[in-house]
Amino acid sequence: MPGIGLLTRLRTLAATPVPQPCDQAACARCRHRDNERGTLERRIPGLVVFSSGYGASAAESRLCRLHDRLTAPGDSCAEFSPRD
């Protein structure tokens, strides 16, 4: 069943720890954050099919290319690098 793989991936993403907030600037302004929603849709095939699941699981989160995990806009870490 195609949806099982997707659910397993979403659970794995949800269980993956994100960088802990610290005194650095927020992920929303970091060059490592991929702000394109399409990136998530390409990395997790079928995500768009579950639109309510997308909203509940990803919402404003985006991919951190440095840590290869989802981060919320307000998350931060010591590797913050401001966008140009």
Protein backbone atom coordinates (compact mmCIF):
# COMPACT_ATOMS: atom_id res chain seq x y z
CA MET A 1 0.00 0.00 0.00
CA PRO A 2 1.61 3.31 -1.09
CA GLY A 3 0.51 5.34 1.94
CA ILE A 4 2.32 3.16 4.46
CA GLY A 5 5.76 4.27 3.27
CA LEU A 6 4.73 7.89 3.50
CA LEU A 7 3.33 7.51 7.02
CA THR A 8 6.51 5.77 8.12
CA ARG A 9 8.58 8.64 6.70
CA LEU A 10 6.41 11.25 8.41
CA ARG A 11 6.71 9.45 11.74
CA THR A 12 10.49 9.28 11.30
CA LEU A 13 10.66 13.00 10.52
CA ALA A 14 8.46 13.80 13.52
CA ALA A 15 10.69 11.72 15.81
CA THR A 16 13.95 13.26 14.55
CA PRO A 17 15.27 15.80 17.03
CA VAL A 18 15.62 19.32 15.70
CA PRO A 19 18.35 21.74 16.69
CA GLN A 20 17.63 23.18 20.10
CA PRO A 21 16.88 26.87 20.45
CA CYS A 22 19.87 28.89 21.57
CA ASP A 23 21.10 32.48 21.42
CA GLN A 24 21.57 32.33 17.63
CA ALA A 25 19.18 33.82 15.07
CA ALA A 26 16.13 31.87 13.94
CA CYS A 27 16.08 29.22 11.19
CA ALA A 28 13.61 31.35 9.22
CA ARG A 29 16.51 33.67 8.37
CA CYS A 30 19.23 31.02 7.90
CA ARG A 31 20.89 30.25 4.55
CA HIS A 32 20.69 26.48 5.30
CA ARG A 33 16.87 26.55 5.37
CA ASP A 34 15.26 25.58 2.08
CA ASN A 35 12.15 27.78 2.01
CA GLU A 36 10.70 26.06 -1.05
CA ARG A 37 7.69 23.94 -0.10
CA GLY A 38 8.32 21.94 -3.28
CA THR A 39 11.54 20.57 -1.80
CA LEU A 40 9.57 18.70 0.87
CA GLU A 41 7.10 17.49 -1.72
CA ARG A 42 9.94 16.10 -3.85
CA ARG A 43 11.75 14.52 -0.88
CA ILE A 44 8.59 12.84 0.45
CA PRO A 45 6.67 11.50 -2.56
CA GLY A 46 2.91 11.53 -2.06
CA LEU A 47 2.95 14.22 0.63
CA VAL A 48 0.66 16.50 -1.37
CA VAL A 49 -1.95 13.73 -1.61
CA PHE A 50 -2.40 13.98 2.16
CA SER A 51 -2.94 17.73 2.24
CA SER A 52 -4.39 17.74 5.76
CA GLY A 53 -1.50 15.54 6.87
CA TYR A 54 0.92 17.98 5.28
CA GLY A 55 -0.61 20.87 7.19
CA ALA A 56 -0.57 18.95 10.47
CA SER A 57 2.93 17.53 10.08
CA ALA A 58 4.89 20.13 8.14
CA ALA A 59 2.94 23.43 8.12
CA GLU A 60 5.58 26.19 8.17
CA SER A 61 8.44 23.78 8.78
CA ARG A 62 11.02 23.53 6.05
CA LEU A 63 14.09 21.45 5.34
CA CYS A 64 17.41 22.38 6.90
CA ARG A 65 19.93 21.33 4.26
CA LEU A 66 22.75 21.32 6.83
CA HIS A 67 21.03 18.96 9.30
CA ASP A 68 18.75 17.21 6.76
CA ARG A 69 15.67 17.57 8.96
CA LEU A 70 12.56 19.66 9.29
CA THR A 71 12.84 22.83 11.32
CA ALA A 72 10.22 25.34 12.40
CA PRO A 73 10.80 29.01 11.58
CA GLY A 74 11.57 29.82 15.23
CA ASP A 75 14.09 27.00 15.74
CA SER A 76 17.78 27.88 15.88
CA CYS A 77 21.18 26.27 16.28
CA ALA A 78 24.86 27.16 16.61
CA GLU A 79 25.42 26.68 12.87
CA PHE A 80 23.17 29.62 11.93
CA SER A 81 24.40 31.49 8.88
CA PRO A 82 22.38 34.52 7.75
CA ARG A 83 20.92 34.66 4.26
CA ASP A 84 22.54 37.03 1.80
